[in-house]
Amino acid sequence: MQQTKCPRCNADLMEGSWEDIQENNDGGVTVDVLPVMVCQQKCGYMREAVDGPTIIAQQGEDRLLLLYPNEQGRILEVIDSVLWPPMHYMSLLSRGGWEDYAGNHDVQSLLEKARDTRAAHLEQPNLFQFATSELSQDAFLCWLMSWCEQPYRTLDHALHKASLDFMTAIFNLHGLPVPVIDSVKLERQFKSLDILAIVNNKFAILIEDKTYTKDHSNQLLRYREAVKAAYPELIQLPIYFKIADQSHYRSPEGAGYKSFTRSMMLEVLNRGIANRVSNSIFTDYQIHLKHIENSVAAFRTKRIEEWDAFAWQGFYQELQKEINGNWGYVSNKQGGFWGF
């Protein structure tokens, strides 16, 4: 498919060439030349020129055979606007039923509307496949909580409602009704605490985000003391946020934290999706947590030699329902293992 208009300024594209000249060690030069399409208005846009497909055969009026470079052919269903996967064009022609093309279709226009069948087997790129650190997750939680203030309801009612749902879950975990939220002041890495959210200048939500790690060195109590020293008048609502799993939560609970687990967060996210939240950051995070949830449950369907860390964690959590015990990762020189 050949693009004929500049995507930056909508001027016509024209044929040109791009050259790269490199001086060699022996004093000679190497010149690389590529055909390119450049903006006629010289806005700076330039792309490599690639021959677009041509129509070489047809089956009636509704099915066309397109020839691409490297002798690849693709079938285009005109009425349904479906483009089938590529294969050698001779293999397609050899199946018979083709006639010489005698139409005058605008190939570019047809391809712009066509649905590529290869997309059906692709997993959509997800922001949280790349934003894997706890800092990235902290940013998401702060972003979500910031939507709960009343004025944001006008900008995105569904997202505001989902944000308020998350805040409600936090308050309710501590046995408190959620107030009408007039203000939220968010601070990351407050005295090393992941997130401090001050609500209505009355409540302090402390969130320690342990994505794939656990608390250590009495850190949770230190965070509470630091917040108390800075804001002695605020009512503390400490949260231990965990999207992976761990054997038990005795340590955070002993420090007065309420555990907010992956399943609890998924309930909030799923309700948001059901209430028509369409923001891609929100939906990406929901898909990300569902992927973890499915990986944890994979011990039920995968062969044991195919289990990854998540599957072992899921198995051991199931085992804990029948046998009193703890589980965790055991490190050794051979690479370690998950043990119960």
C-alpha atoms as a PDB file:
ATOM      1  CA  MET A   1       0.000   0.000   0.000  1.00  0.00           C
ATOM      2  CA  GLN A   2       1.530   3.289  -1.113  1.00  0.00           C
ATOM      3  CA  GLN A   3       0.860   6.366   0.969  1.00  0.00           C
ATOM      4  CA  THR A   4       0.566   9.401  -1.332  1.00  0.00           C
ATOM      5  CA  LYS A   5       0.032  12.159   1.234  1.00  0.00           C
ATOM      6  CA  CYS A   6       2.448  13.405   3.893  1.00  0.00           C
ATOM      7  CA  PRO A   7       1.134  12.348   7.339  1.00  0.00           C
ATOM      8  CA  ARG A   8       2.545  15.530   8.885  1.00  0.00           C
ATOM      9  CA  CYS A   9       1.260  18.308   6.619  1.00  0.00           C
ATOM     10  CA  ASN A  10      -0.953  16.455   4.118  1.00  0.00           C
ATOM     11  CA  ALA A  11       1.085  17.679   1.127  1.00  0.00           C
ATOM     12  CA  ASP A  12       1.749  15.359  -1.801  1.00  0.00           C
ATOM     13  CA  LEU A  13       4.678  12.951  -1.594  1.00  0.00           C
ATOM     14  CA  MET A  14       7.145  12.789  -4.442  1.00  0.00           C
ATOM     15  CA  GLU A  15       9.874  10.362  -5.403  1.00  0.00           C
ATOM     16  CA  GLY A  16      13.424  11.136  -4.336  1.00  0.00           C
ATOM     17  CA  SER A  17      16.593   9.423  -3.215  1.00  0.00           C
ATOM     18  CA  TRP A  18      18.608   9.159  -0.016  1.00  0.00           C
ATOM     19  CA  GLU A  19      22.369   8.758  -0.020  1.00  0.00           C
ATOM     20  CA  ASP A  20      24.827   7.729   2.658  1.00  0.00           C
ATOM     21  CA  ILE A  21      28.508   8.168   1.882  1.00  0.00           C
ATOM     22  CA  GLN A  22      31.077   6.432   4.105  1.00  0.00           C
ATOM     23  CA  GLU A  23      34.826   6.795   3.746  1.00  0.00           C
ATOM     24  CA  ASN A  24      36.699   3.474   3.895  1.00  0.00           C
ATOM     25  CA  ASN A  25      40.028   2.811   5.608  1.00  0.00           C
ATOM     26  CA  ASP A  26      41.719   2.383   2.214  1.00  0.00           C
ATOM     27  CA  GLY A  27      40.724   5.882   1.150  1.00  0.00           C
ATOM     28  CA  GLY A  28      37.805   4.802  -1.018  1.00  0.00           C
ATOM     29  CA  VAL A  29      34.163   5.513  -0.360  1.00  0.00           C
ATOM     30  CA  THR A  30      31.006   3.433  -0.093  1.00  0.00           C
ATOM     31  CA  VAL A  31      27.765   4.969  -1.277  1.00  0.00           C
ATOM     32  CA  ASP A  32      24.376   3.602  -0.250  1.00  0.00           C
ATOM     33  CA  VAL A  33      21.400   4.871  -2.218  1.00  0.00           C
ATOM     34  CA  LEU A  34      17.747   4.224  -1.400  1.00  0.00           C
ATOM     35  CA  PRO A  35      14.642   5.347  -3.269  1.00  0.00           C
ATOM     36  CA  VAL A  36      12.466   7.401  -0.918  1.00  0.00           C
ATOM     37  CA  MET A  37       9.242   9.357  -0.850  1.00  0.00           C
ATOM     38  CA  VAL A  38       9.649  12.918   0.435  1.00  0.00           C
ATOM     39  CA  CYS A  39       7.216  15.693   1.259  1.00  0.00           C
ATOM     40  CA  GLN A  40       6.727  18.118  -1.593  1.00  0.00           C
ATOM     41  CA  GLN A  41       6.411  20.980   0.904  1.00  0.00           C
ATOM     42  CA  LYS A  42       9.762  19.958   2.465  1.00  0.00           C
ATOM     43  CA  CYS A  43       8.419  19.610   6.015  1.00  0.00           C
ATOM     44  CA  GLY A  44      11.095  16.989   6.721  1.00  0.00           C
ATOM     45  CA  TYR A  45       9.031  13.819   6.284  1.00  0.00           C
ATOM     46  CA  MET A  46      10.806  11.025   4.399  1.00  0.00           C
ATOM     47  CA  ARG A  47      10.238   7.287   4.163  1.00  0.00           C
ATOM     48  CA  GLU A  48      11.707   4.457   2.173  1.00  0.00           C
ATOM     49  CA  ALA A  49       9.825   3.871  -1.063  1.00  0.00           C
ATOM     50  CA  VAL A  50       8.411   0.366  -1.237  1.00  0.00           C
ATOM     51  CA  ASP A  51       6.522  -0.967  -4.215  1.00  0.00           C
ATOM     52  CA  GLY A  52       2.878  -1.433  -3.333  1.00  0.00           C
ATOM     53  CA  PRO A  53       0.869  -4.483  -4.322  1.00  0.00           C
ATOM     54  CA  THR A  54      -0.713  -4.832  -7.723  1.00  0.00           C
ATOM     55  CA  ILE A  55      -3.830  -6.795  -8.621  1.00  0.00           C
ATOM     56  CA  ILE A  56      -2.936  -9.674 -10.944  1.00  0.00           C
ATOM     57  CA  ALA A  57      -6.052 -11.885 -10.911  1.00  0.00           C
ATOM     58  CA  GLN A  58      -9.633 -12.079  -9.747  1.00  0.00           C
ATOM     59  CA  GLN A  59     -12.373 -14.562  -8.918  1.00  0.00           C
ATOM     60  CA  GLY A  60     -15.563 -12.837  -9.945  1.00  0.00           C
ATOM     61  CA  GLU A  61     -16.047  -9.278  -8.681  1.00  0.00           C
ATOM     62  CA  ASP A  62     -15.535 -10.036  -4.995  1.00  0.00           C
ATOM     63  CA  ARG A  63     -12.107 -11.686  -4.696  1.00  0.00           C
ATOM     64  CA  LEU A  64      -8.799 -10.201  -5.838  1.00  0.00           C
ATOM     65  CA  LEU A  65      -5.268 -11.595  -5.859  1.00  0.00           C
ATOM     66  CA  LEU A  66      -2.623  -9.033  -4.886  1.00  0.00           C
ATOM     67  CA  LEU A  67       1.036  -9.449  -5.807  1.00  0.00           C
ATOM     68  CA  TYR A  68       3.566  -8.042  -3.325  1.00  0.00           C
ATOM     69  CA  PRO A  69       7.377  -7.812  -3.574  1.00  0.00           C
ATOM     70  CA  ASN A  70       9.308 -11.068  -3.096  1.00  0.00           C
ATOM     71  CA  GLU A  71       6.605 -12.935  -5.040  1.00  0.00           C
ATOM     72  CA  GLN A  72       4.204 -12.928  -2.108  1.00  0.00           C
ATOM     73  CA  GLY A  73       0.495 -13.006  -2.857  1.00  0.00           C
ATOM     74  CA  ARG A  74      -2.499 -12.130  -0.689  1.00  0.00           C
ATOM     75  CA  ILE A  75      -6.197 -12.606  -1.307  1.00  0.00           C
ATOM     76  CA  LEU A  76      -8.447  -9.608  -0.704  1.00  0.00           C
ATOM     77  CA  GLU A  77     -12.174 -10.178  -0.152  1.00  0.00           C
ATOM     78  CA  VAL A  78     -13.717  -6.959  -1.483  1.00  0.00           C
ATOM     79  CA  ILE A  79     -17.223  -7.099   0.012  1.00  0.00           C
ATOM     80  CA  ASP A  80     -16.149  -8.258   3.485  1.00  0.00           C
ATOM     81  CA  SER A  81     -12.923  -6.134   3.420  1.00  0.00           C
ATOM     82  CA  VAL A  82     -10.768  -9.051   4.580  1.00  0.00           C
ATOM     83  CA  LEU A  83      -7.093  -9.462   3.683  1.00  0.00           C
ATOM     84  CA  TRP A  84      -5.773 -13.028   4.032  1.00  0.00           C
ATOM     85  CA  PRO A  85      -2.196 -13.985   5.074  1.00  0.00           C
ATOM     86  CA  PRO A  86       0.618 -13.963   2.478  1.00  0.00           C
ATOM     87  CA  MET A  87       1.931 -16.974   0.620  1.00  0.00           C
ATOM     88  CA  HIS A  88       3.721 -17.482  -2.691  1.00  0.00           C
ATOM     89  CA  TYR A  89       1.490 -16.134  -5.435  1.00  0.00           C
ATOM     90  CA  MET A  90       2.051 -19.213  -7.662  1.00  0.00           C
ATOM     91  CA  SER A  91       0.700 -21.434  -4.899  1.00  0.00           C
ATOM     92  CA  LEU A  92      -2.491 -19.366  -4.868  1.00  0.00           C
ATOM     93  CA  LEU A  93      -2.811 -19.334  -8.648  1.00  0.00           C
ATOM     94  CA  SER A  94      -2.259 -23.081  -8.873  1.00  0.00           C
ATOM     95  CA  ARG A  95      -5.485 -23.706  -6.968  1.00  0.00           C
ATOM     96  CA  GLY A  96      -7.398 -22.576 -10.033  1.00  0.00           C
ATOM     97  CA  GLY A  97     -10.471 -20.498 -10.533  1.00  0.00           C
ATOM     98  CA  TRP A  98      -8.567 -17.288 -11.263  1.00  0.00           C
ATOM     99  CA  GLU A  99      -9.137 -14.985 -14.224  1.00  0.00           C
ATOM    100  CA  ASP A 100      -7.016 -12.151 -15.557  1.00  0.00           C
ATOM    101  CA  TYR A 101      -7.760  -8.932 -13.712  1.00  0.00           C
ATOM    102  CA  ALA A 102      -9.953  -6.586 -15.732  1.00  0.00           C
ATOM    103  CA  GLY A 103     -11.139  -4.112 -13.116  1.00  0.00           C
ATOM    104  CA  ASN A 104     -10.073  -0.639 -12.033  1.00  0.00           C
ATOM    105  CA  HIS A 105     -10.058  -0.838  -8.220  1.00  0.00           C
ATOM    106  CA  ASP A 106      -8.206   1.713  -6.102  1.00  0.00           C
ATOM    107  CA  VAL A 107      -5.895  -0.707  -4.253  1.00  0.00           C
ATOM    108  CA  GLN A 108      -4.819   1.809  -1.618  1.00  0.00           C
ATOM    109  CA  SER A 109      -8.404   2.656  -0.700  1.00  0.00           C
ATOM    110  CA  LEU A 110      -9.351  -1.020  -0.440  1.00  0.00           C
ATOM    111  CA  LEU A 111      -6.373  -1.855   1.780  1.00  0.00           C
ATOM    112  CA  GLU A 112      -6.997   1.058   4.136  1.00  0.00           C
ATOM    113  CA  LYS A 113     -10.427  -0.399   4.927  1.00  0.00           C
ATOM    114  CA  ALA A 114      -9.410  -4.073   4.965  1.00  0.00           C
ATOM    115  CA  ARG A 115      -9.138  -6.181   8.133  1.00  0.00           C
ATOM    116  CA  ASP A 116      -5.853  -8.126   8.223  1.00  0.00           C
ATOM    117  CA  THR A 117      -6.647 -11.674   9.399  1.00  0.00           C
ATOM    118  CA  ARG A 118      -3.191 -11.977  10.993  1.00  0.00           C
ATOM    119  CA  ALA A 119      -4.310  -9.510  13.678  1.00  0.00           C
ATOM    120  CA  ALA A 120      -6.716 -12.093  15.103  1.00  0.00           C
ATOM    121  CA  HIS A 121      -3.772 -14.058  16.532  1.00  0.00           C
ATOM    122  CA  LEU A 122      -1.858 -11.118  17.938  1.00  0.00           C
ATOM    123  CA  GLU A 123      -1.803 -10.080  21.569  1.00  0.00           C
ATOM    124  CA  GLN A 124      -2.174  -6.327  21.733  1.00  0.00           C
ATOM    125  CA  PRO A 125       0.918  -4.482  23.024  1.00  0.00           C
ATOM    126  CA  ASN A 126       0.432  -3.654  26.689  1.00  0.00           C
ATOM    127  CA  LEU A 127       2.043  -0.730  28.506  1.00  0.00           C
ATOM    128  CA  PHE A 128       2.662  -2.866  31.596  1.00  0.00           C
ATOM    129  CA  GLN A 129       4.618  -5.468  29.658  1.00  0.00           C
ATOM    130  CA  PHE A 130       7.324  -2.806  29.557  1.00  0.00           C
ATOM    131  CA  ALA A 131       6.528  -0.754  32.680  1.00  0.00           C
ATOM    132  CA  THR A 132       7.308  -3.632  35.043  1.00  0.00           C
ATOM    133  CA  SER A 133       8.952  -1.817  37.956  1.00  0.00           C
ATOM    134  CA  GLU A 134       7.257  -0.918  41.218  1.00  0.00           C
ATOM    135  CA  LEU A 135       7.786   2.745  40.333  1.00  0.00           C
ATOM    136  CA  SER A 136       5.675   2.259  37.204  1.00  0.00           C
ATOM    137  CA  GLN A 137       2.927   0.669  39.246  1.00  0.00           C
ATOM    138  CA  ASP A 138       3.171   3.472  41.810  1.00  0.00           C
ATOM    139  CA  ALA A 139       2.601   5.922  38.964  1.00  0.00           C
ATOM    140  CA  PHE A 140      -0.507   4.016  37.871  1.00  0.00           C
ATOM    141  CA  LEU A 141      -1.966   3.988  41.397  1.00  0.00           C
ATOM    142  CA  CYS A 142      -1.330   7.718  41.809  1.00  0.00           C
ATOM    143  CA  TRP A 143      -2.874   8.367  38.391  1.00  0.00           C
ATOM    144  CA  LEU A 144      -5.946   6.312  39.304  1.00  0.00           C
ATOM    145  CA  MET A 145      -6.424   7.963  42.704  1.00  0.00           C
ATOM    146  CA  SER A 146      -6.073  11.447  41.231  1.00  0.00           C
ATOM    147  CA  TRP A 147      -9.291  10.878  39.238  1.00  0.00           C
ATOM    148  CA  CYS A 148     -11.434  10.587  42.383  1.00  0.00           C
ATOM    149  CA  GLU A 149     -11.730  14.330  43.028  1.00  0.00           C
ATOM    150  CA  GLN A 150     -15.227  15.595  42.203  1.00  0.00           C
ATOM    151  CA  PRO A 151     -14.349  17.971  39.299  1.00  0.00           C
ATOM    152  CA  TYR A 152     -12.878  15.087  37.260  1.00  0.00           C
ATOM    153  CA  ARG A 153     -16.325  13.500  37.123  1.00  0.00           C
ATOM    154  CA  THR A 154     -17.188  15.911  34.318  1.00  0.00           C
ATOM    155  CA  LEU A 155     -14.146  14.909  32.240  1.00  0.00           C
ATOM    156  CA  ASP A 156     -14.601  11.125  32.458  1.00  0.00           C
ATOM    157  CA  HIS A 157     -17.484   9.914  34.565  1.00  0.00           C
ATOM    158  CA  ALA A 158     -16.668   6.204  34.259  1.00  0.00           C
ATOM    159  CA  LEU A 159     -13.001   6.658  35.204  1.00  0.00           C
ATOM    160  CA  HIS A 160     -13.924   8.942  38.113  1.00  0.00           C
ATOM    161  CA  LYS A 161     -16.329   6.258  39.346  1.00  0.00           C
ATOM    162  CA  ALA A 162     -13.637   3.557  39.093  1.00  0.00           C
ATOM    163  CA  SER A 163     -11.183   5.750  40.989  1.00  0.00           C
ATOM    164  CA  LEU A 164     -13.730   6.321  43.716  1.00  0.00           C
ATOM    165  CA  ASP A 165     -14.375   2.565  43.802  1.00  0.00           C
ATOM    166  CA  PHE A 166     -10.672   1.976  44.512  1.00  0.00           C
ATOM    167  CA  MET A 167     -10.632   4.598  47.267  1.00  0.00           C
ATOM    168  CA  THR A 168     -13.819   3.147  48.729  1.00  0.00           C
ATOM    169  CA  ALA A 169     -12.217  -0.292  48.903  1.00  0.00           C
ATOM    170  CA  ILE A 170      -9.277   1.170  50.845  1.00  0.00           C
ATOM    171  CA  PHE A 171     -11.492   2.979  53.355  1.00  0.00           C
ATOM    172  CA  ASN A 172     -13.781  -0.029  53.767  1.00  0.00           C
ATOM    173  CA  LEU A 173     -10.812  -2.326  54.434  1.00  0.00           C
ATOM    174  CA  HIS A 174     -10.130  -0.172  57.486  1.00  0.00           C
ATOM    175  CA  GLY A 175     -13.788  -0.278  58.518  1.00  0.00           C
ATOM    176  CA  LEU A 176     -14.457   3.333  57.485  1.00  0.00           C
ATOM    177  CA  PRO A 177     -17.035   4.800  55.094  1.00  0.00           C
ATOM    178  CA  VAL A 178     -15.472   6.663  52.191  1.00  0.00           C
ATOM    179  CA  PRO A 179     -16.080  10.404  52.482  1.00  0.00           C
ATOM    180  CA  VAL A 180     -16.954  12.818  49.721  1.00  0.00           C
ATOM    181  CA  ILE A 181     -13.460  13.401  48.372  1.00  0.00           C
ATOM    182  CA  ASP A 182     -12.732  17.072  47.871  1.00  0.00           C
ATOM    183  CA  SER A 183      -8.955  16.883  47.696  1.00  0.00           C
ATOM    184  CA  VAL A 184      -6.201  14.314  47.252  1.00  0.00           C
ATOM    185  CA  LYS A 185      -2.568  15.279  47.702  1.00  0.00           C
ATOM    186  CA  LEU A 186      -0.289  12.567  46.324  1.00  0.00           C
ATOM    187  CA  GLU A 187       3.398  12.141  47.086  1.00  0.00           C
ATOM    188  CA  ARG A 188       5.662   9.331  45.957  1.00  0.00           C
ATOM    189  CA  GLN A 189       8.665   8.102  47.939  1.00  0.00           C
ATOM    190  CA  PHE A 190       7.734  10.021  51.076  1.00  0.00           C
ATOM    191  CA  LYS A 191      10.511   9.044  53.512  1.00  0.00           C
ATOM    192  CA  SER A 192      10.946   5.946  51.247  1.00  0.00           C
ATOM    193  CA  LEU A 193       7.240   5.041  51.493  1.00  0.00           C
ATOM    194  CA  ASP A 194       6.005   4.247  47.977  1.00  0.00           C
ATOM    195  CA  ILE A 195       2.855   6.410  48.047  1.00  0.00           C
ATOM    196  CA  LEU A 196       1.370   8.829  50.537  1.00  0.00           C
ATOM    197  CA  ALA A 197      -2.105  10.101  49.674  1.00  0.00           C
ATOM    198  CA  ILE A 198      -3.589  12.796  51.926  1.00  0.00           C
ATOM    199  CA  VAL A 199      -7.370  12.886  51.527  1.00  0.00           C
ATOM    200  CA  ASN A 200      -9.410  15.922  52.585  1.00  0.00           C
ATOM    201  CA  ASN A 201      -6.530  16.953  54.884  1.00  0.00           C
ATOM    202  CA  LYS A 202      -7.904  14.372  57.319  1.00  0.00           C
ATOM    203  CA  PHE A 203      -6.788  10.903  56.185  1.00  0.00           C
ATOM    204  CA  ALA A 204      -3.355   9.593  55.250  1.00  0.00           C
ATOM    205  CA  ILE A 205      -3.385   6.583  52.911  1.00  0.00           C
ATOM    206  CA  LEU A 206      -0.006   4.860  53.094  1.00  0.00           C
ATOM    207  CA  ILE A 207       0.605   2.444  50.215  1.00  0.00           C
ATOM    208  CA  GLU A 208       3.631   0.176  50.257  1.00  0.00           C
ATOM    209  CA  ASP A 209       3.742  -1.460  46.828  1.00  0.00           C
ATOM    210  CA  LYS A 210       5.418  -4.865  46.823  1.00  0.00           C
ATOM    211  CA  THR A 211       4.980  -6.090  43.263  1.00  0.00           C
ATOM    212  CA  TYR A 212       7.196  -9.187  43.382  1.00  0.00           C
ATOM    213  CA  THR A 213       9.055  -8.628  46.680  1.00  0.00           C
ATOM    214  CA  LYS A 214       8.193  -8.673  50.401  1.00  0.00           C
ATOM    215  CA  ASP A 215       8.564  -6.243  53.283  1.00  0.00           C
ATOM    216  CA  HIS A 216      11.772  -6.357  55.293  1.00  0.00           C
ATOM    217  CA  SER A 217      13.788  -4.740  58.094  1.00  0.00           C
ATOM    218  CA  ASN A 218      10.792  -3.394  60.005  1.00  0.00           C
ATOM    219  CA  GLN A 219      10.254  -0.904  57.183  1.00  0.00           C
ATOM    220  CA  LEU A 220       6.459  -0.816  57.449  1.00  0.00           C
ATOM    221  CA  LEU A 221       6.458   0.469  61.031  1.00  0.00           C
ATOM    222  CA  ARG A 222       9.136   3.034  60.143  1.00  0.00           C
ATOM    223  CA  TYR A 223       6.916   4.431  57.403  1.00  0.00           C
ATOM    224  CA  ARG A 224       3.999   4.803  59.798  1.00  0.00           C
ATOM    225  CA  GLU A 225       6.197   6.579  62.325  1.00  0.00           C
ATOM    226  CA  ALA A 226       7.557   8.923  59.631  1.00  0.00           C
ATOM    227  CA  VAL A 227       4.051   9.877  58.506  1.00  0.00           C
ATOM    228  CA  LYS A 228       2.929  10.349  62.122  1.00  0.00           C
ATOM    229  CA  ALA A 229       5.871  12.644  62.780  1.00  0.00           C
ATOM    230  CA  ALA A 230       5.076  14.788  59.726  1.00  0.00           C
ATOM    231  CA  TYR A 231       1.262  14.657  59.999  1.00  0.00           C
ATOM    232  CA  PRO A 232       0.315  13.752  63.584  1.00  0.00           C
ATOM    233  CA  GLU A 233      -3.287  14.917  63.130  1.00  0.00           C
ATOM    234  CA  LEU A 234      -4.092  12.605  60.190  1.00  0.00           C
ATOM    235  CA  ILE A 235      -5.922   9.265  60.470  1.00  0.00           C
ATOM    236  CA  GLN A 236      -3.692   6.601  58.927  1.00  0.00           C
ATOM    237  CA  LEU A 237      -4.981   3.983  56.468  1.00  0.00           C
ATOM    238  CA  PRO A 238      -1.935   1.785  55.709  1.00  0.00           C
ATOM    239  CA  ILE A 239      -2.187  -0.490  52.651  1.00  0.00           C
ATOM    240  CA  TYR A 240       0.131  -3.326  51.623  1.00  0.00           C
ATOM    241  CA  PHE A 241      -0.433  -3.514  47.858  1.00  0.00           C
ATOM    242  CA  LYS A 242       0.524  -6.810  46.240  1.00  0.00           C
ATOM    243  CA  ILE A 243      -0.217  -7.962  42.664  1.00  0.00           C
ATOM    244  CA  ALA A 244       1.951 -11.085  42.916  1.00  0.00           C
ATOM    245  CA  ASP A 245       1.512 -13.559  45.771  1.00  0.00           C
ATOM    246  CA  GLN A 246       3.329 -14.486  48.951  1.00  0.00           C
ATOM    247  CA  SER A 247       2.962 -17.279  51.464  1.00  0.00           C
ATOM    248  CA  HIS A 248       1.375 -15.173  54.218  1.00  0.00           C
ATOM    249  CA  TYR A 249       0.762 -11.580  55.275  1.00  0.00           C
ATOM    250  CA  ARG A 250       1.493 -11.813  58.984  1.00  0.00           C
ATOM    251  CA  SER A 251       4.247  -9.180  58.871  1.00  0.00           C
ATOM    252  CA  PRO A 252       2.243  -6.358  57.207  1.00  0.00           C
ATOM    253  CA  GLU A 253      -0.835  -7.189  59.248  1.00  0.00           C
ATOM    254  CA  GLY A 254       1.250  -7.024  62.418  1.00  0.00           C
ATOM    255  CA  ALA A 255       2.302  -3.498  61.409  1.00  0.00           C
ATOM    256  CA  GLY A 256      -1.322  -2.434  61.021  1.00  0.00           C
ATOM    257  CA  TYR A 257      -1.435  -2.647  57.212  1.00  0.00           C
ATOM    258  CA  LYS A 258      -4.383  -4.056  55.293  1.00  0.00           C
ATOM    259  CA  SER A 259      -3.407  -6.305  52.399  1.00  0.00           C
ATOM    260  CA  PHE A 260      -4.768  -5.226  49.015  1.00  0.00           C
ATOM    261  CA  THR A 261      -4.251  -8.238  46.748  1.00  0.00           C
ATOM    262  CA  ARG A 262      -4.394  -8.826  43.013  1.00  0.00           C
ATOM    263  CA  SER A 263      -7.859 -10.377  43.210  1.00  0.00           C
ATOM    264  CA  MET A 264      -9.159  -7.342  45.092  1.00  0.00           C
ATOM    265  CA  MET A 265      -7.675  -4.984  42.510  1.00  0.00           C
ATOM    266  CA  LEU A 266      -9.120  -7.068  39.683  1.00  0.00           C
ATOM    267  CA  GLU A 267     -12.572  -6.677  41.209  1.00  0.00           C
ATOM    268  CA  VAL A 268     -12.167  -2.898  41.050  1.00  0.00           C
ATOM    269  CA  LEU A 269     -10.816  -3.005  37.505  1.00  0.00           C
ATOM    270  CA  ASN A 270     -13.463  -5.434  36.267  1.00  0.00           C
ATOM    271  CA  ARG A 271     -16.220  -3.240  37.678  1.00  0.00           C
ATOM    272  CA  GLY A 272     -14.630  -0.292  35.905  1.00  0.00           C
ATOM    273  CA  ILE A 273     -14.642  -2.138  32.580  1.00  0.00           C
ATOM    274  CA  ALA A 274     -18.260  -3.202  33.165  1.00  0.00           C
ATOM    275  CA  ASN A 275     -19.105   0.463  33.787  1.00  0.00           C
ATOM    276  CA  ARG A 276     -17.540   1.334  30.405  1.00  0.00           C
ATOM    277  CA  VAL A 277     -14.167   2.720  31.360  1.00  0.00           C
ATOM    278  CA  SER A 278     -12.401   2.946  28.012  1.00  0.00           C
ATOM    279  CA  ASN A 279      -9.136   4.629  29.008  1.00  0.00           C
ATOM    280  CA  SER A 280      -6.319   2.545  27.541  1.00  0.00           C
ATOM    281  CA  ILE A 281      -4.060   2.891  30.617  1.00  0.00           C
ATOM    282  CA  PHE A 282      -6.849   1.501  32.793  1.00  0.00           C
ATOM    283  CA  THR A 283      -7.695  -1.338  30.402  1.00  0.00           C
ATOM    284  CA  ASP A 284      -4.011  -2.221  29.913  1.00  0.00           C
ATOM    285  CA  TYR A 285      -3.570  -2.609  33.664  1.00  0.00           C
ATOM    286  CA  GLN A 286      -6.660  -4.813  33.899  1.00  0.00           C
ATOM    287  CA  ILE A 287      -5.353  -7.032  31.091  1.00  0.00           C
ATOM    288  CA  HIS A 288      -1.928  -7.136  32.781  1.00  0.00           C
ATOM    289  CA  LEU A 289      -3.392  -8.368  36.089  1.00  0.00           C
ATOM    290  CA  LYS A 290      -5.631 -10.880  34.300  1.00  0.00           C
ATOM    291  CA  HIS A 291      -2.533 -12.268  32.589  1.00  0.00           C
ATOM    292  CA  ILE A 292      -0.864 -12.769  35.992  1.00  0.00           C
ATOM    293  CA  GLU A 293      -4.051 -14.339  37.355  1.00  0.00           C
ATOM    294  CA  ASN A 294      -4.179 -16.787  34.442  1.00  0.00           C
ATOM    295  CA  SER A 295      -0.490 -17.611  34.888  1.00  0.00           C
ATOM    296  CA  VAL A 296      -1.057 -18.398  38.583  1.00  0.00           C
ATOM    297  CA  ALA A 297      -3.973 -20.685  37.687  1.00  0.00           C
ATOM    298  CA  ALA A 298      -1.983 -22.424  34.926  1.00  0.00           C
ATOM    299  CA  PHE A 299      -0.987 -25.279  37.264  1.00  0.00           C
ATOM    300  CA  ARG A 300      -4.489 -26.631  36.722  1.00  0.00           C
ATOM    301  CA  THR A 301      -4.053 -27.034  32.973  1.00  0.00           C
ATOM    302  CA  LYS A 302      -0.323 -27.227  32.179  1.00  0.00           C
ATOM    303  CA  ARG A 303       2.005 -30.190  32.518  1.00  0.00           C
ATOM    304  CA  ILE A 304       4.175 -29.867  35.603  1.00  0.00           C
ATOM    305  CA  GLU A 305       7.383 -29.527  33.570  1.00  0.00           C
ATOM    306  CA  GLU A 306       5.846 -26.437  31.952  1.00  0.00           C
ATOM    307  CA  TRP A 307       5.126 -24.649  35.241  1.00  0.00           C
ATOM    308  CA  ASP A 308       6.749 -21.249  35.727  1.00  0.00           C
ATOM    309  CA  ALA A 309       7.106 -19.349  39.005  1.00  0.00           C
ATOM    310  CA  PHE A 310       3.483 -18.161  38.870  1.00  0.00           C
ATOM    311  CA  ALA A 311       2.134 -21.695  38.372  1.00  0.00           C
ATOM    312  CA  TRP A 312       4.136 -22.978  41.355  1.00  0.00           C
ATOM    313  CA  GLN A 313       2.790 -20.145  43.489  1.00  0.00           C
ATOM    314  CA  GLY A 314      -0.748 -21.019  42.449  1.00  0.00           C
ATOM    315  CA  PHE A 315      -0.193 -24.687  43.268  1.00  0.00           C
ATOM    316  CA  TYR A 316       1.235 -23.912  46.701  1.00  0.00           C
ATOM    317  CA  GLN A 317      -1.638 -21.551  47.501  1.00  0.00           C
ATOM    318  CA  GLU A 318      -4.031 -24.376  46.672  1.00  0.00           C
ATOM    319  CA  LEU A 319      -1.960 -26.743  48.828  1.00  0.00           C
ATOM    320  CA  GLN A 320      -2.211 -24.323  51.758  1.00  0.00           C
ATOM    321  CA  LYS A 321      -5.964 -24.907  51.788  1.00  0.00           C
ATOM    322  CA  GLU A 322      -5.281 -28.517  52.818  1.00  0.00           C
ATOM    323  CA  ILE A 323      -1.886 -28.409  54.558  1.00  0.00           C
ATOM    324  CA  ASN A 324      -0.677 -25.834  57.059  1.00  0.00           C
ATOM    325  CA  GLY A 325       2.645 -24.534  55.771  1.00  0.00           C
ATOM    326  CA  ASN A 326       4.587 -21.774  54.063  1.00  0.00           C
ATOM    327  CA  TRP A 327       6.150 -21.505  50.628  1.00  0.00           C
ATOM    328  CA  GLY A 328       8.720 -19.337  48.905  1.00  0.00           C
ATOM    329  CA  TYR A 329      11.695 -19.182  46.594  1.00  0.00           C
ATOM    330  CA  VAL A 330      14.788 -21.162  47.596  1.00  0.00           C
ATOM    331  CA  SER A 331      17.971 -19.854  46.002  1.00  0.00           C
ATOM    332  CA  ASN A 332      20.899 -22.110  45.119  1.00  0.00           C
ATOM    333  CA  LYS A 333      23.738 -22.351  42.619  1.00  0.00           C
ATOM    334  CA  GLN A 334      21.678 -24.488  40.245  1.00  0.00           C
ATOM    335  CA  GLY A 335      19.162 -21.681  39.763  1.00  0.00           C
ATOM    336  CA  GLY A 336      16.861 -22.193  42.736  1.00  0.00           C
ATOM    337  CA  PHE A 337      13.298 -23.481  43.035  1.00  0.00           C
ATOM    338  CA  TRP A 338       9.943 -22.750  44.630  1.00  0.00           C
ATOM    339  CA  GLY A 339       9.515 -24.884  47.747  1.00  0.00           C
ATOM    340  CA  PHE A 340       6.761 -25.589  50.263  1.00  0.00           C
END
